[in-house]
C-alpha atoms as a PDB file:
ATOM      1  CA  MET A   1     123.393 100.302  82.740  1.00  0.00           C
ATOM      2  CA  THR A   2     122.064  96.983  83.254  1.00  0.00           C
ATOM      3  CA  THR A   3     118.456  96.096  81.408  1.00  0.00           C
ATOM      4  CA  THR A   4     115.834  93.529  82.319  1.00  0.00           C
ATOM      5  CA  THR A   5     116.881  91.250  78.886  1.00  0.00           C
ATOM      6  CA  ASP A   6     120.416  92.189  80.201  1.00  0.00           C
ATOM      7  CA  VAL A   7     119.630  90.135  83.398  1.00  0.00           C
ATOM      8  CA  LEU A   8     117.388  87.417  81.509  1.00  0.00           C
ATOM      9  CA  SER A   9     119.616  86.959  78.999  1.00  0.00           C
ATOM     10  CA  GLY A  10     120.144  83.446  78.100  1.00  0.00           C
ATOM     11  CA  ALA A  11     116.881  82.794  80.548  1.00  0.00           C
ATOM     12  CA  ASP A  12     114.044  80.079  79.626  1.00  0.00           C
ATOM     13  CA  LEU A  13     111.329  80.744  81.568  1.00  0.00           C
ATOM     14  CA  ARG A  14     108.688  78.462  80.267  1.00  0.00           C
ATOM     15  CA  GLY A  15     105.958  76.862  82.631  1.00  0.00           C
ATOM     16  CA  ARG A  16     107.082  79.338  85.120  1.00  0.00           C
ATOM     17  CA  THR A  17     104.174  81.621  86.689  1.00  0.00           C
ATOM     18  CA  MET A  18     104.798  84.597  87.096  1.00  0.00           C
ATOM     19  CA  LEU A  19     103.159  87.584  89.291  1.00  0.00           C
ATOM     20  CA  VAL A  20     104.071  91.281  88.930  1.00  0.00           C
ATOM     21  CA  THR A  21     101.600  94.118  90.467  1.00  0.00           C
ATOM     22  CA  GLY A  22     101.155  97.334  89.628  1.00  0.00           C
ATOM     23  CA  ALA A  23     102.857  96.196  85.999  1.00  0.00           C
ATOM     24  CA  THR A  24     100.535  98.798  84.225  1.00  0.00           C
ATOM     25  CA  THR A  25     103.217 101.259  83.685  1.00  0.00           C
ATOM     26  CA  GLY A  26     107.423 101.734  84.179  1.00  0.00           C
ATOM     27  CA  ILE A  27     108.947  99.990  85.791  1.00  0.00           C
ATOM     28  CA  GLY A  28     106.045  96.986  86.722  1.00  0.00           C
ATOM     29  CA  TRP A  29     104.888  96.833  83.141  1.00  0.00           C
ATOM     30  CA  GLU A  30     108.909  96.326  81.384  1.00  0.00           C
ATOM     31  CA  THR A  31     109.683  93.148  84.084  1.00  0.00           C
ATOM     32  CA  ALA A  32     106.053  91.479  82.890  1.00  0.00           C
ATOM     33  CA  ARG A  33     107.828  92.242  79.168  1.00  0.00           C
ATOM     34  CA  ALA A  34     111.196  90.419  80.583  1.00  0.00           C
ATOM     35  CA  LEU A  35     109.317  87.962  81.971  1.00  0.00           C
ATOM     36  CA  GLY A  36     107.337  87.289  78.779  1.00  0.00           C
ATOM     37  CA  ALA A  37     110.180  87.245  76.373  1.00  0.00           C
ATOM     38  CA  ALA A  38     112.296  84.613  78.849  1.00  0.00           C
ATOM     39  CA  GLY A  39     108.932  82.703  78.328  1.00  0.00           C
ATOM     40  CA  ALA A  40     107.440  82.770  81.458  1.00  0.00           C
ATOM     41  CA  SER A  41     103.389  82.554  81.989  1.00  0.00           C
ATOM     42  CA  VAL A  42     103.099  86.497  83.700  1.00  0.00           C
ATOM     43  CA  VAL A  43      99.946  87.654  85.358  1.00  0.00           C
ATOM     44  CA  ILE A  44      99.690  91.061  85.766  1.00  0.00           C
ATOM     45  CA  THR A  45      97.710  93.435  88.673  1.00  0.00           C
ATOM     46  CA  ALA A  46      95.528  96.175  87.532  1.00  0.00           C
ATOM     47  CA  ARG A  47      92.776  98.595  89.385  1.00  0.00           C
ATOM     48  CA  THR A  48      90.725  98.379  86.223  1.00  0.00           C
ATOM     49  CA  ASP A  49      89.836  95.774  83.904  1.00  0.00           C
ATOM     50  CA  ALA A  50      90.622  98.006  81.087  1.00  0.00           C
ATOM     51  CA  LYS A  51      93.415  99.208  82.609  1.00  0.00           C
ATOM     52  CA  GLY A  52      94.328  95.407  82.709  1.00  0.00           C
ATOM     53  CA  GLU A  53      93.159  94.535  78.517  1.00  0.00           C
ATOM     54  CA  ALA A  54      95.042  97.434  77.605  1.00  0.00           C
ATOM     55  CA  ALA A  55      98.555  96.562  79.668  1.00  0.00           C
ATOM     56  CA  VAL A  56      98.564  93.533  78.095  1.00  0.00           C
ATOM     57  CA  ALA A  57      97.147  93.815  74.626  1.00  0.00           C
ATOM     58  CA  ALA A  58     100.523  96.329  74.421  1.00  0.00           C
ATOM     59  CA  LEU A  59     102.220  93.816  76.634  1.00  0.00           C
ATOM     60  CA  ARG A  60     101.134  91.456  73.380  1.00  0.00           C
ATOM     61  CA  GLU A  61     102.284  93.616  70.750  1.00  0.00           C
ATOM     62  CA  VAL A  62     106.023  93.313  71.793  1.00  0.00           C
ATOM     63  CA  VAL A  63     106.212  89.850  72.292  1.00  0.00           C
ATOM     64  CA  PRO A  64     104.212  88.087  69.965  1.00  0.00           C
ATOM     65  CA  ALA A  65     104.103  84.695  71.868  1.00  0.00           C
ATOM     66  CA  GLY A  66     104.098  85.902  75.475  1.00  0.00           C
ATOM     67  CA  GLN A  67     101.734  84.575  77.980  1.00  0.00           C
ATOM     68  CA  PHE A  68     100.185  86.627  79.727  1.00  0.00           C
ATOM     69  CA  SER A  69      96.666  87.769  81.549  1.00  0.00           C
ATOM     70  CA  ALA A  70      95.238  90.435  83.773  1.00  0.00           C
ATOM     71  CA  GLU A  71      93.467  90.034  87.271  1.00  0.00           C
ATOM     72  CA  VAL A  72      91.564  93.727  88.958  1.00  0.00           C
ATOM     73  CA  LEU A  73      94.053  94.228  92.169  1.00  0.00           C
ATOM     74  CA  GLU A  74      92.925  97.422  94.479  1.00  0.00           C
ATOM     75  CA  LEU A  75      96.069  96.644  97.427  1.00  0.00           C
ATOM     76  CA  GLY A  76      94.313  99.766  99.010  1.00  0.00           C
ATOM     77  CA  SER A  77      90.980  96.737  99.877  1.00  0.00           C
ATOM     78  CA  LEU A  78      91.638  94.015 101.358  1.00  0.00           C
ATOM     79  CA  ARG A  79      88.600  92.737 100.881  1.00  0.00           C
ATOM     80  CA  SER A  80      89.592  93.099  96.964  1.00  0.00           C
ATOM     81  CA  VAL A  81      93.050  91.737  98.149  1.00  0.00           C
ATOM     82  CA  ARG A  82      91.727  88.360  99.656  1.00  0.00           C
ATOM     83  CA  SER A  83      89.810  88.150  96.324  1.00  0.00           C
ATOM     84  CA  PHE A  84      92.085  87.769  93.530  1.00  0.00           C
ATOM     85  CA  THR A  85      94.281  85.451  95.867  1.00  0.00           C
ATOM     86  CA  ASP A  86      91.836  83.359  96.127  1.00  0.00           C
ATOM     87  CA  ARG A  87      90.963  83.076  92.493  1.00  0.00           C
ATOM     88  CA  VAL A  88      95.176  83.211  91.995  1.00  0.00           C
ATOM     89  CA  ALA A  89      94.917  80.165  94.725  1.00  0.00           C
ATOM     90  CA  SER A  90      91.937  78.181  91.958  1.00  0.00           C
ATOM     91  CA  GLY A  91      92.982  79.564  88.930  1.00  0.00           C
ATOM     92  CA  HIS A  92      97.464  78.855  88.688  1.00  0.00           C
ATOM     93  CA  GLY A  93      98.604  75.157  89.664  1.00  0.00           C
ATOM     94  CA  ARG A  94     101.830  77.083  91.169  1.00  0.00           C
ATOM     95  CA  LEU A  95     102.822  80.512  91.654  1.00  0.00           C
ATOM     96  CA  ASP A  96     106.904  80.975  90.819  1.00  0.00           C
ATOM     97  CA  VAL A  97     107.651  84.652  91.015  1.00  0.00           C
ATOM     98  CA  LEU A  98     105.358  87.459  93.448  1.00  0.00           C
ATOM     99  CA  ILE A  99     106.844  90.722  92.206  1.00  0.00           C
ATOM    100  CA  ALA A 100     105.296  93.498  94.827  1.00  0.00           C
ATOM    101  CA  ASN A 101     106.004  96.405  92.350  1.00  0.00           C
ATOM    102  CA  ALA A 102     102.280  97.935  93.014  1.00  0.00           C
ATOM    103  CA  GLY A 103     102.405 101.352  94.640  1.00  0.00           C
ATOM    104  CA  ILE A 104     101.427 105.540  95.321  1.00  0.00           C
ATOM    105  CA  MET A 105     103.060 107.907  96.073  1.00  0.00           C
ATOM    106  CA  ALA A 106     102.581 111.897  97.172  1.00  0.00           C
ATOM    107  CA  VAL A 107      98.734 111.633  97.209  1.00  0.00           C
ATOM    108  CA  PRO A 108      96.193 113.668  98.804  1.00  0.00           C
ATOM    109  CA  PHE A 109      95.482 112.017 102.354  1.00  0.00           C
ATOM    110  CA  GLY A 110      92.532 109.029 102.625  1.00  0.00           C
ATOM    111  CA  LEU A 111      92.047 106.751 103.633  1.00  0.00           C
ATOM    112  CA  THR A 112      92.001 102.718 102.629  1.00  0.00           C
ATOM    113  CA  ASP A 113      88.507 100.851 102.397  1.00  0.00           C
ATOM    114  CA  ASP A 114      89.494  99.718 106.072  1.00  0.00           C
ATOM    115  CA  GLY A 115      90.830 102.571 106.954  1.00  0.00           C
ATOM    116  CA  PHE A 116      94.325 103.102 106.397  1.00  0.00           C
ATOM    117  CA  GLU A 117      96.035 105.969 105.159  1.00  0.00           C
ATOM    118  CA  LEU A 118      96.863 105.805 101.811  1.00  0.00           C
ATOM    119  CA  HIS A 119     100.673 104.593 101.788  1.00  0.00           C
ATOM    120  CA  PHE A 120     100.208 102.964 104.457  1.00  0.00           C
ATOM    121  CA  GLY A 121      97.573 100.444 103.775  1.00  0.00           C
ATOM    122  CA  THR A 122      98.164 100.109  99.881  1.00  0.00           C
ATOM    123  CA  ASN A 123     102.071 100.416  99.958  1.00  0.00           C
ATOM    124  CA  HIS A 124     102.366  97.967 103.079  1.00  0.00           C
ATOM    125  CA  LEU A 125      99.078  96.390 104.288  1.00  0.00           C
ATOM    126  CA  GLY A 126      97.898  95.040 101.123  1.00  0.00           C
ATOM    127  CA  HIS A 127     100.931  93.810 100.107  1.00  0.00           C
ATOM    128  CA  PHE A 128     101.994  91.868 102.989  1.00  0.00           C
ATOM    129  CA  VAL A 129      98.122  90.573 103.177  1.00  0.00           C
ATOM    130  CA  LEU A 130      99.154  89.534  99.560  1.00  0.00           C
ATOM    131  CA  VAL A 131     101.932  87.570  99.832  1.00  0.00           C
ATOM    132  CA  GLY A 132     100.917  86.089 103.036  1.00  0.00           C
ATOM    133  CA  ARG A 133      97.684  84.616 101.517  1.00  0.00           C
ATOM    134  CA  LEU A 134      99.512  83.177  98.816  1.00  0.00           C
ATOM    135  CA  LEU A 135     102.521  81.057 100.624  1.00  0.00           C
ATOM    136  CA  PRO A 136     101.151  78.605 100.067  1.00  0.00           C
ATOM    137  CA  LEU A 137     101.177  78.236  96.630  1.00  0.00           C
ATOM    138  CA  LEU A 138     104.471  80.026  96.620  1.00  0.00           C
ATOM    139  CA  ALA A 139     105.980  77.001  98.757  1.00  0.00           C
ATOM    140  CA  ALA A 140     103.965  74.501  96.428  1.00  0.00           C
ATOM    141  CA  SER A 141     105.835  75.280  93.629  1.00  0.00           C
ATOM    142  CA  ALA A 142     108.887  75.838  95.191  1.00  0.00           C
ATOM    143  CA  PRO A 143     111.415  76.802  94.651  1.00  0.00           C
ATOM    144  CA  ALA A 144     110.002  79.561  94.384  1.00  0.00           C
ATOM    145  CA  ARG A 145     110.571  83.444  95.233  1.00  0.00           C
ATOM    146  CA  VAL A 146     109.587  86.846  96.816  1.00  0.00           C
ATOM    147  CA  VAL A 147     110.522  89.972  95.085  1.00  0.00           C
ATOM    148  CA  VAL A 148     109.781  93.381  96.662  1.00  0.00           C
ATOM    149  CA  LEU A 149     110.377  96.406  95.626  1.00  0.00           C
ATOM    150  CA  SER A 150     110.753 100.120  97.469  1.00  0.00           C
ATOM    151  CA  SER A 151     112.304 103.369  97.105  1.00  0.00           C
ATOM    152  CA  ALA A 152     115.269 105.348  98.661  1.00  0.00           C
ATOM    153  CA  GLY A 153     112.486 107.338  99.855  1.00  0.00           C
ATOM    154  CA  HIS A 154     112.188 106.425 103.503  1.00  0.00           C
ATOM    155  CA  ARG A 155     115.354 107.960 104.162  1.00  0.00           C
ATOM    156  CA  MET A 156     113.335 111.072 104.535  1.00  0.00           C
ATOM    157  CA  SER A 157     110.946 109.769 107.080  1.00  0.00           C
ATOM    158  CA  ASP A 158     110.588 108.048 110.247  1.00  0.00           C
ATOM    159  CA  VAL A 159     108.140 105.294 110.641  1.00  0.00           C
ATOM    160  CA  GLY A 160     105.291 107.349 112.787  1.00  0.00           C
ATOM    161  CA  TRP A 161     104.123 104.099 115.325  1.00  0.00           C
ATOM    162  CA  ASP A 162     102.075 106.520 117.485  1.00  0.00           C
ATOM    163  CA  ASP A 163      99.908 108.094 114.650  1.00  0.00           C
ATOM    164  CA  PRO A 164     100.127 106.270 111.734  1.00  0.00           C
ATOM    165  CA  ASN A 165      96.808 107.746 109.439  1.00  0.00           C
ATOM    166  CA  TYR A 166      97.615 111.170 110.564  1.00  0.00           C
ATOM    167  CA  ALA A 167      94.354 111.300 113.246  1.00  0.00           C
ATOM    168  CA  ARG A 168      96.746 114.169 115.654  1.00  0.00           C
ATOM    169  CA  ARG A 169      99.296 115.646 113.233  1.00  0.00           C
ATOM    170  CA  GLU A 170      98.568 117.283 110.047  1.00  0.00           C
ATOM    171  CA  TYR A 171      99.088 115.298 106.911  1.00  0.00           C
ATOM    172  CA  ALA A 172     101.880 116.188 104.392  1.00  0.00           C
ATOM    173  CA  LYS A 173     102.194 113.634 101.541  1.00  0.00           C
ATOM    174  CA  MET A 174     105.768 112.829 100.882  1.00  0.00           C
ATOM    175  CA  GLU A 175     106.545 112.454 104.617  1.00  0.00           C
ATOM    176  CA  ALA A 176     103.427 110.017 104.306  1.00  0.00           C
ATOM    177  CA  TYR A 177     105.276 108.343 101.357  1.00  0.00           C
ATOM    178  CA  SER A 178     108.950 108.307 102.952  1.00  0.00           C
ATOM    179  CA  ARG A 179     106.621 106.707 106.236  1.00  0.00           C
ATOM    180  CA  ARG A 180     106.318 103.923 103.707  1.00  0.00           C
ATOM    181  CA  ALA A 181     108.882 104.151 100.982  1.00  0.00           C
END
């Protein structure tokens, strides 16, 4: 088994800025921890200031010398995504790596602020707009990278392009997630 520490062994990421969406827990948090331990300045996203601040505090406990900051981002709101990307573009001189990690799974039926089924709007459209709006900053920081995390859940269901918002068919939360994994 390979850990994030193994992967980054010997890496010196000082002077690099990394953005990790959904880094308050799980894979995103561990990714942020490892990047910060390797010297990167890491921006994490959270749905609320409180969650972001708590995650940054926890990261600083395990990586005291780490450079961590948090920004509020709600991927289920394209307005939030646009506001976030404006803040990042104006507040950071560079962006070396964007790791699209955030996502939702098997949630009850709902629509995003923009009227899209929650899985589709959050897991795909939110990140699509995020990456698209940050491409100029990434390009200016070249060589830069975009890393998109996904799930093997896509094997459980085909994409339903004829009814993406479940307007004509019964909603099934695992199917909705699998269509978007």
